[in-house]
């Protein structure tokens, strides 16, 4: 009887693991595939924006997105051009840099500015070549590649968990 209880507990843990692996599959991946949107998230471990430096073109959108954070965060441009609002644990705020906004914009997380939670968005002038879909968006480092890789990995975790569920269910019979 005790063995059956252990098996059921293990099965419950595996199912919970599967559900969590789907939950942490990131929404940003679909947005990153669109060249007109650059996603900036929060690295809560280091209290940094990720990526903390991006280069875009006029007409492109920056999306500040985080969910389920332990601490409240926001993104506020020093010059006031954008403000995601009050610091919150869940933020999905987008700002489009229209024609005529080419410049370099420094932004902060107000509650963590003293901990150097800051970032920079460099907006290049609009170029007619950009309208053909050849937008040159980049982030300093490979943070966006890391985000899409981690999202793929978290979805991949479902496969070993499914195998474990099958094995445990066979033991329960």
Protein backbone atom coordinates (compact mmCIF):
# COMPACT_ATOMS: atom_id res chain seq x y z
CA UNK A 1 0.00 0.00 0.00
CA UNK A 2 2.84 2.39 0.83
CA UNK A 3 4.47 1.65 -2.56
CA UNK A 4 1.27 2.60 -4.40
CA UNK A 5 1.11 5.87 -2.48
CA UNK A 6 4.72 6.66 -3.44
CA UNK A 7 3.97 5.88 -7.09
CA UNK A 8 0.92 8.14 -7.11
CA UNK A 9 2.91 10.94 -5.48
CA UNK A 10 5.65 10.54 -8.11
CA UNK A 11 3.06 10.60 -10.88
CA UNK A 12 1.56 13.79 -9.44
CA UNK A 13 4.99 15.44 -9.38
CA UNK A 14 5.64 14.47 -12.98
CA UNK A 15 2.29 15.84 -14.15
CA UNK A 16 3.01 19.09 -12.29
CA UNK A 17 6.43 19.22 -13.96
CA UNK A 18 4.82 18.82 -17.39
CA UNK A 19 2.35 21.60 -16.73
CA UNK A 20 5.10 23.92 -15.52
CA UNK A 21 7.23 23.19 -18.57
CA UNK A 22 4.36 24.40 -20.78
CA UNK A 23 3.78 27.46 -18.61
CA UNK A 24 7.38 28.57 -18.92
CA UNK A 25 7.39 28.21 -22.68
CA UNK A 26 7.88 31.83 -23.48
CA UNK A 27 5.43 34.03 -25.34
CA UNK A 28 8.30 36.21 -26.55
CA UNK A 29 9.39 33.68 -29.15
CA UNK A 30 6.51 34.48 -31.50
CA UNK A 31 7.09 38.20 -31.04
CA UNK A 32 10.80 37.85 -31.72
CA UNK A 33 10.07 36.30 -35.10
CA UNK A 34 8.52 39.62 -36.13
CA UNK A 35 11.34 41.98 -37.15
CA UNK A 36 9.23 44.98 -36.17
CA UNK A 37 9.09 43.99 -32.48
CA UNK A 38 12.01 43.66 -30.08
CA UNK A 39 11.23 42.09 -26.71
CA UNK A 40 12.97 43.19 -23.53
CA UNK A 41 12.43 41.03 -20.45
CA UNK A 42 13.76 40.99 -16.90
CA UNK A 43 16.63 38.90 -15.59
CA UNK A 44 15.44 38.72 -11.98
CA UNK A 45 18.50 36.83 -10.81
CA UNK A 46 20.80 39.71 -11.66
CA UNK A 47 18.23 42.55 -11.63
CA UNK A 48 18.95 43.48 -15.24
CA UNK A 49 16.94 44.03 -18.39
CA UNK A 50 17.54 41.33 -20.98
CA UNK A 51 18.81 42.47 -23.38
CA UNK A 52 19.86 45.72 -21.76
CA UNK A 53 20.98 47.31 -25.04
CA UNK A 54 19.10 47.17 -28.33
CA UNK A 55 19.48 48.86 -31.69
CA UNK A 56 16.35 49.32 -33.79
CA UNK A 57 15.05 51.45 -36.65
CA UNK A 58 12.36 54.10 -36.57
CA UNK A 59 8.98 52.44 -37.01
CA UNK A 60 9.88 49.43 -34.90
CA UNK A 61 8.34 48.52 -31.56
CA UNK A 62 9.99 47.63 -28.27
CA UNK A 63 7.91 45.35 -26.06
CA UNK A 64 8.66 45.19 -22.35
CA UNK A 65 7.31 41.85 -21.17
CA UNK A 66 7.65 39.94 -17.92
CA UNK A 67 5.37 37.68 -15.97
CA UNK A 68 5.40 36.07 -12.53
CA UNK A 69 8.32 38.09 -11.20
CA UNK A 70 9.09 38.01 -7.47
CA UNK A 71 9.79 41.76 -7.44
CA UNK A 72 7.91 44.63 -9.09
CA UNK A 73 9.58 46.22 -12.14
CA UNK A 74 8.86 48.90 -14.72
CA UNK A 75 10.63 50.53 -17.66
CA UNK A 76 10.81 54.32 -17.78
CA UNK A 77 12.76 56.39 -20.31
CA UNK A 78 14.92 59.03 -18.64
CA UNK A 79 13.64 61.66 -21.11
CA UNK A 80 10.00 60.56 -20.59
CA UNK A 81 9.26 59.32 -24.12
CA UNK A 82 7.87 56.04 -22.73
CA UNK A 83 6.77 54.76 -19.33
CA UNK A 84 5.40 51.27 -18.67
CA UNK A 85 3.57 52.56 -15.60
CA UNK A 86 3.79 51.64 -11.95
CA UNK A 87 6.20 48.82 -11.07
CA UNK A 88 4.43 45.46 -11.33
CA UNK A 89 5.21 41.74 -11.32
CA UNK A 90 3.40 41.31 -14.66
CA UNK A 91 4.04 43.82 -17.46
CA UNK A 92 3.22 43.72 -21.16
CA UNK A 93 3.92 47.21 -22.49
CA UNK A 94 4.85 48.16 -26.05
CA UNK A 95 6.16 51.41 -27.46
CA UNK A 96 6.62 52.14 -31.17
CA UNK A 97 9.38 54.54 -32.16
CA UNK A 98 7.80 56.54 -34.97
CA UNK A 99 9.62 58.43 -37.72
CA UNK A 100 11.53 61.36 -36.26
CA UNK A 101 12.42 59.60 -32.99
CA UNK A 102 15.91 58.49 -33.96
CA UNK A 103 18.11 58.95 -30.90
CA UNK A 104 19.58 57.00 -28.02
CA UNK A 105 17.22 56.45 -25.10
CA UNK A 106 18.32 55.40 -21.65
CA UNK A 107 15.70 53.73 -19.48
CA UNK A 108 15.52 52.49 -15.92
CA UNK A 109 13.55 50.28 -13.59
CA UNK A 110 12.55 52.86 -10.98
CA UNK A 111 12.65 50.58 -7.92
CA UNK A 112 16.06 49.16 -8.91
CA UNK A 113 17.83 52.11 -10.51
CA UNK A 114 20.37 52.24 -7.69
CA UNK A 115 21.17 48.58 -8.39
CA UNK A 116 21.94 49.61 -12.00
CA UNK A 117 18.88 48.03 -13.58
CA UNK A 118 19.17 50.22 -16.65
CA UNK A 119 19.11 49.85 -20.41
CA UNK A 120 19.64 51.64 -23.70
CA UNK A 121 17.61 51.71 -26.89
CA UNK A 122 19.34 53.17 -29.94
CA UNK A 123 16.90 54.14 -32.69
CA UNK A 124 18.40 54.52 -36.15
CA UNK A 125 16.78 56.86 -38.70
CA UNK A 126 14.10 55.42 -40.97
CA UNK A 127 15.48 54.25 -44.28
CA UNK A 128 13.35 53.43 -47.33
CA UNK A 129 15.29 50.15 -47.61
CA UNK A 130 13.70 49.15 -44.28
CA UNK A 131 10.25 49.10 -45.86
CA UNK A 132 11.24 46.05 -47.90
CA UNK A 133 11.49 43.97 -44.76
CA UNK A 134 15.25 44.23 -44.32
CA UNK A 135 15.07 45.83 -40.89
CA UNK A 136 18.32 45.62 -39.01
CA UNK A 137 17.48 44.98 -35.42
CA UNK A 138 20.16 43.86 -33.05
CA UNK A 139 20.79 43.42 -29.41
CA UNK A 140 24.17 43.71 -27.80
CA UNK A 141 25.19 40.15 -26.96
CA UNK A 142 23.02 37.19 -27.78
CA UNK A 143 20.32 37.60 -25.16
CA UNK A 144 17.45 37.22 -27.65
CA UNK A 145 18.97 34.01 -29.00
CA UNK A 146 19.30 32.80 -25.41
CA UNK A 147 15.61 33.59 -24.76
CA UNK A 148 14.41 31.62 -27.78
CA UNK A 149 16.74 28.73 -26.90
CA UNK A 150 15.54 28.59 -23.32
CA UNK A 151 11.94 28.68 -24.52
CA UNK A 152 12.62 25.75 -26.82
CA UNK A 153 14.35 23.86 -24.05
CA UNK A 154 11.49 24.32 -21.62
CA UNK A 155 9.10 22.90 -24.21
CA UNK A 156 11.53 20.04 -24.79
CA UNK A 157 11.33 19.13 -21.09
CA UNK A 158 7.86 17.82 -21.79
CA UNK A 159 9.23 14.79 -23.68
CA UNK A 160 11.26 13.25 -20.79
CA UNK A 161 8.40 14.01 -18.42
CA UNK A 162 5.97 12.20 -20.73
CA UNK A 163 8.27 9.17 -20.83
CA UNK A 164 8.39 9.17 -17.02
CA UNK A 165 4.60 9.33 -16.84
CA UNK A 166 4.32 6.29 -19.09
CA UNK A 167 6.87 4.35 -17.03
CA UNK A 168 5.19 5.19 -13.73
CA UNK A 169 1.73 4.39 -15.07
CA UNK A 170 2.98 0.93 -16.12
CA UNK A 171 4.31 0.38 -12.59
CA UNK A 172 0.90 1.29 -11.16
CA UNK A 173 -0.83 -1.51 -13.08
